[in-house]
Each structure stands twice: as structure tokens, then as C-alpha cells.
N, C-alpha and C. Protein backbone atom coordinates (compact mmCIF):
# COMPACT_ATOMS: atom_id res chain seq x y z
N UNK A 1 -28.11 -16.82 39.02
CA UNK A 1 -27.42 -17.53 37.98
C UNK A 1 -26.20 -18.23 38.52
N UNK A 2 -25.72 -19.13 37.75
CA UNK A 2 -24.53 -19.91 38.10
C UNK A 2 -23.27 -19.09 37.84
N UNK A 3 -22.35 -19.12 38.78
CA UNK A 3 -21.10 -18.40 38.64
C UNK A 3 -20.14 -19.19 37.76
N UNK A 4 -19.53 -18.53 36.81
CA UNK A 4 -18.60 -19.20 35.89
C UNK A 4 -17.18 -18.77 36.21
N UNK A 5 -16.46 -19.58 36.92
CA UNK A 5 -15.09 -19.25 37.33
C UNK A 5 -14.14 -19.12 36.16
N UNK A 6 -14.31 -19.96 35.14
CA UNK A 6 -13.35 -19.99 34.04
C UNK A 6 -13.77 -19.15 32.84
N UNK A 7 -14.86 -18.44 32.95
CA UNK A 7 -15.29 -17.58 31.85
C UNK A 7 -14.25 -16.48 31.67
N UNK A 8 -13.84 -16.18 30.40
CA UNK A 8 -12.78 -15.18 30.18
C UNK A 8 -13.06 -13.84 30.84
N UNK A 9 -14.32 -13.44 30.93
CA UNK A 9 -14.64 -12.16 31.56
C UNK A 9 -14.52 -12.18 33.06
N UNK A 10 -14.37 -13.37 33.67
CA UNK A 10 -14.29 -13.48 35.13
C UNK A 10 -12.88 -13.79 35.63
N UNK A 11 -11.94 -14.01 34.74
CA UNK A 11 -10.57 -14.37 35.17
C UNK A 11 -9.89 -13.17 35.82
N UNK A 12 -9.29 -13.42 36.93
CA UNK A 12 -8.51 -12.39 37.60
C UNK A 12 -7.29 -13.06 38.24
N UNK A 13 -6.20 -12.32 38.25
CA UNK A 13 -5.01 -12.79 38.94
C UNK A 13 -5.14 -12.30 40.37
N UNK A 14 -5.75 -13.10 41.21
CA UNK A 14 -6.05 -12.69 42.57
C UNK A 14 -4.81 -12.45 43.42
N UNK A 15 -3.70 -13.07 43.04
CA UNK A 15 -2.47 -12.89 43.81
C UNK A 15 -1.90 -11.49 43.69
N UNK A 16 -2.11 -10.85 42.55
CA UNK A 16 -1.52 -9.53 42.33
C UNK A 16 -2.57 -8.43 42.21
N UNK A 17 -3.83 -8.79 42.25
CA UNK A 17 -4.87 -7.79 42.11
C UNK A 17 -4.99 -7.27 40.69
N UNK A 18 -4.34 -7.94 39.73
CA UNK A 18 -4.35 -7.51 38.34
C UNK A 18 -5.45 -8.23 37.57
N UNK A 19 -6.26 -7.49 36.89
CA UNK A 19 -7.32 -8.12 36.09
C UNK A 19 -6.75 -8.56 34.76
N UNK A 20 -7.02 -9.78 34.36
CA UNK A 20 -6.60 -10.30 33.08
C UNK A 20 -7.82 -10.33 32.16
N UNK A 21 -8.38 -9.15 31.94
CA UNK A 21 -9.59 -9.04 31.15
C UNK A 21 -9.27 -8.41 29.81
N UNK A 22 -9.98 -8.80 28.77
CA UNK A 22 -9.77 -8.13 27.49
C UNK A 22 -10.24 -6.69 27.59
N UNK A 23 -9.56 -5.81 26.89
CA UNK A 23 -9.96 -4.41 26.89
C UNK A 23 -11.30 -4.27 26.19
N UNK A 24 -12.12 -3.43 26.75
CA UNK A 24 -13.35 -3.11 26.03
C UNK A 24 -12.97 -2.15 24.91
N UNK A 25 -13.83 -2.01 23.95
CA UNK A 25 -13.53 -1.14 22.82
C UNK A 25 -13.48 0.31 23.27
N UNK A 26 -12.39 0.96 22.97
CA UNK A 26 -12.21 2.37 23.32
C UNK A 26 -11.86 3.13 22.05
N UNK A 27 -12.82 3.78 21.43
CA UNK A 27 -12.56 4.44 20.16
C UNK A 27 -11.44 5.47 20.23
N UNK A 28 -11.28 6.11 21.39
CA UNK A 28 -10.23 7.12 21.50
C UNK A 28 -8.84 6.52 21.43
N UNK A 29 -8.72 5.19 21.57
CA UNK A 29 -7.43 4.52 21.51
C UNK A 29 -7.19 3.89 20.14
N UNK A 30 -8.07 4.10 19.20
CA UNK A 30 -8.00 3.43 17.92
C UNK A 30 -7.59 4.43 16.83
N UNK A 31 -6.43 4.21 16.18
CA UNK A 31 -6.00 5.12 15.11
C UNK A 31 -7.02 5.22 13.98
N UNK A 32 -7.78 4.16 13.73
CA UNK A 32 -8.83 4.23 12.69
C UNK A 32 -9.83 5.33 13.01
N UNK A 33 -10.12 5.49 14.28
CA UNK A 33 -11.08 6.52 14.68
C UNK A 33 -10.50 7.92 14.48
N UNK A 34 -9.18 8.05 14.58
CA UNK A 34 -8.56 9.34 14.30
C UNK A 34 -8.69 9.67 12.82
N UNK A 35 -8.54 8.66 11.96
CA UNK A 35 -8.76 8.86 10.53
C UNK A 35 -10.21 9.25 10.27
N UNK A 36 -11.14 8.55 10.91
CA UNK A 36 -12.56 8.87 10.73
C UNK A 36 -12.86 10.31 11.14
N UNK A 37 -12.30 10.74 12.25
CA UNK A 37 -12.52 12.11 12.71
C UNK A 37 -11.93 13.11 11.72
N UNK A 38 -10.74 12.80 11.19
CA UNK A 38 -10.11 13.65 10.18
C UNK A 38 -10.98 13.73 8.92
N UNK A 39 -11.52 12.59 8.51
CA UNK A 39 -12.41 12.55 7.36
C UNK A 39 -13.63 13.44 7.59
N UNK A 40 -14.25 13.31 8.74
CA UNK A 40 -15.45 14.11 9.03
C UNK A 40 -15.14 15.60 9.08
N UNK A 41 -13.96 15.96 9.58
CA UNK A 41 -13.57 17.37 9.62
C UNK A 41 -13.33 17.92 8.22
N UNK A 42 -12.86 17.06 7.31
CA UNK A 42 -12.45 17.54 5.99
C UNK A 42 -13.51 17.40 4.90
N UNK A 43 -14.52 16.60 5.11
CA UNK A 43 -15.58 16.47 4.12
C UNK A 43 -16.57 17.60 4.35
N UNK A 44 -16.76 18.39 3.36
CA UNK A 44 -17.69 19.50 3.46
C UNK A 44 -19.09 18.98 3.20
N UNK A 45 -19.90 18.95 4.23
CA UNK A 45 -21.26 18.40 4.12
C UNK A 45 -22.09 19.16 3.09
N UNK A 46 -21.80 20.42 2.90
CA UNK A 46 -22.58 21.19 1.93
C UNK A 46 -22.31 20.74 0.50
N UNK A 47 -21.17 20.11 0.25
CA UNK A 47 -20.87 19.60 -1.10
C UNK A 47 -21.44 18.21 -1.32
N UNK A 48 -21.74 17.50 -0.24
CA UNK A 48 -22.23 16.12 -0.34
C UNK A 48 -23.74 16.11 -0.21
N UNK A 49 -24.41 16.43 -1.31
CA UNK A 49 -25.87 16.52 -1.30
C UNK A 49 -26.55 15.17 -1.39
N UNK A 50 -25.81 14.16 -1.82
CA UNK A 50 -26.40 12.83 -1.95
C UNK A 50 -25.33 11.77 -1.67
N UNK A 51 -25.73 10.53 -1.65
CA UNK A 51 -24.83 9.43 -1.29
C UNK A 51 -23.68 9.31 -2.29
N UNK A 52 -23.97 9.48 -3.58
CA UNK A 52 -22.91 9.38 -4.59
C UNK A 52 -21.85 10.46 -4.39
N UNK A 53 -22.30 11.66 -4.09
CA UNK A 53 -21.36 12.76 -3.87
C UNK A 53 -20.54 12.53 -2.59
N UNK A 54 -21.19 12.01 -1.56
CA UNK A 54 -20.48 11.70 -0.31
C UNK A 54 -19.42 10.63 -0.57
N UNK A 55 -19.76 9.61 -1.34
CA UNK A 55 -18.80 8.56 -1.68
C UNK A 55 -17.63 9.15 -2.47
N UNK A 56 -17.93 10.05 -3.41
CA UNK A 56 -16.88 10.69 -4.20
C UNK A 56 -15.94 11.51 -3.32
N UNK A 57 -16.50 12.30 -2.44
CA UNK A 57 -15.68 13.14 -1.55
C UNK A 57 -14.85 12.28 -0.59
N UNK A 58 -15.42 11.18 -0.12
CA UNK A 58 -14.69 10.27 0.77
C UNK A 58 -13.51 9.65 0.05
N UNK A 59 -13.74 9.16 -1.17
CA UNK A 59 -12.64 8.58 -1.96
C UNK A 59 -11.56 9.62 -2.25
N UNK A 60 -12.00 10.82 -2.56
CA UNK A 60 -11.05 11.91 -2.84
C UNK A 60 -10.18 12.19 -1.61
N UNK A 61 -10.80 12.25 -0.44
CA UNK A 61 -10.06 12.49 0.80
C UNK A 61 -9.05 11.37 1.05
N UNK A 62 -9.51 10.11 0.93
CA UNK A 62 -8.64 8.97 1.22
C UNK A 62 -7.48 8.89 0.22
N UNK A 63 -7.73 9.22 -1.03
CA UNK A 63 -6.64 9.24 -2.02
C UNK A 63 -5.62 10.31 -1.68
N UNK A 64 -6.11 11.47 -1.21
CA UNK A 64 -5.18 12.52 -0.78
C UNK A 64 -4.33 12.05 0.39
N UNK A 65 -4.96 11.38 1.36
CA UNK A 65 -4.21 10.90 2.52
C UNK A 65 -3.16 9.86 2.11
N UNK A 66 -3.43 9.06 1.10
CA UNK A 66 -2.44 8.08 0.64
C UNK A 66 -1.17 8.78 0.15
N UNK A 67 -1.32 9.98 -0.37
CA UNK A 67 -0.16 10.74 -0.85
C UNK A 67 0.46 11.60 0.25
N UNK A 68 -0.05 11.48 1.47
CA UNK A 68 0.44 12.26 2.61
C UNK A 68 0.80 11.33 3.77
N UNK A 69 1.82 10.49 3.59
CA UNK A 69 2.15 9.51 4.64
C UNK A 69 2.52 10.15 5.97
N UNK A 70 3.03 11.36 5.95
CA UNK A 70 3.35 12.02 7.22
C UNK A 70 2.09 12.27 8.05
N UNK A 71 0.97 12.54 7.39
CA UNK A 71 -0.27 12.73 8.13
C UNK A 71 -0.82 11.40 8.65
N UNK A 72 -0.67 10.35 7.86
CA UNK A 72 -1.12 9.03 8.31
C UNK A 72 -0.30 8.60 9.52
N UNK A 73 1.02 8.83 9.47
CA UNK A 73 1.88 8.49 10.62
C UNK A 73 1.46 9.28 11.87
N UNK A 74 0.98 10.50 11.67
CA UNK A 74 0.59 11.32 12.82
C UNK A 74 -0.58 10.71 13.59
N UNK A 75 -1.39 9.87 12.94
CA UNK A 75 -2.48 9.21 13.65
C UNK A 75 -1.93 8.28 14.73
N UNK A 76 -0.72 7.80 14.53
CA UNK A 76 -0.09 6.88 15.49
C UNK A 76 0.82 7.60 16.47
N UNK A 77 1.00 8.90 16.32
CA UNK A 77 1.93 9.65 17.15
C UNK A 77 1.40 10.05 18.51
N UNK A 78 0.09 10.08 18.64
CA UNK A 78 -0.48 10.47 19.93
C UNK A 78 -0.15 9.41 20.98
N UNK A 79 0.11 9.84 22.18
CA UNK A 79 0.52 8.93 23.26
C UNK A 79 -0.48 7.79 23.46
N UNK A 80 -1.77 8.09 23.38
CA UNK A 80 -2.79 7.10 23.68
C UNK A 80 -2.99 6.06 22.58
N UNK A 81 -2.35 6.22 21.41
CA UNK A 81 -2.49 5.20 20.37
C UNK A 81 -1.15 4.59 19.96
N UNK A 82 -0.09 4.92 20.66
CA UNK A 82 1.22 4.38 20.30
C UNK A 82 1.31 2.87 20.41
N UNK A 83 0.44 2.27 21.22
CA UNK A 83 0.44 0.81 21.36
C UNK A 83 0.22 0.15 20.01
N UNK A 84 -0.45 0.83 19.08
CA UNK A 84 -0.81 0.24 17.78
C UNK A 84 0.41 0.09 16.87
N UNK A 85 1.50 0.74 17.17
CA UNK A 85 2.70 0.66 16.34
C UNK A 85 3.40 -0.67 16.53
N UNK A 86 3.24 -1.27 17.68
CA UNK A 86 3.95 -2.51 18.02
C UNK A 86 3.60 -3.63 17.09
């Protein structure tokens, strides 16, 4: 294949050895994924026998989190997701 020098995935700062590449998706660096993990830990699968019940439990969890801003802030407190505060 033909080499694409100016393609964004091929750009490199050759003078400094620094790659100027976009970050690939890293779920462990995403505060949304911390919320998702919290949701999965807190939703009792035995209570969610069907899609409607799962939706109800999910809404209930998210409404609770809205009233707990200290817990929402904690999703951004981990060292690996602090970049998201900027």
C-alpha cells in the first residue's frame, strides 16, 4: 500500500521522539466507566427480572447518585482520571 505521511495516525515529531497521536480509547481512564462500574455493582440482578425492571432500577440508582454529589466527585478523584477535570 501507499504510505501516507500526512495521515493523522502517522504523524510523529521525529525531532523529539514524541508521538503526536490521538489516544486510543481507554475505558479505565474514563470517569463514565467508573459510573458504569458503580451502577453494575449496585444493581441487584436478582431484582431485575425483565427490561422494565432493569430500567427502573437504573433510574433509581442514577437519581440517588444525583443526590450524592460527593460520590460523583469521587469518580474524578482517582489519579488516572484527573485529566477529565480540566
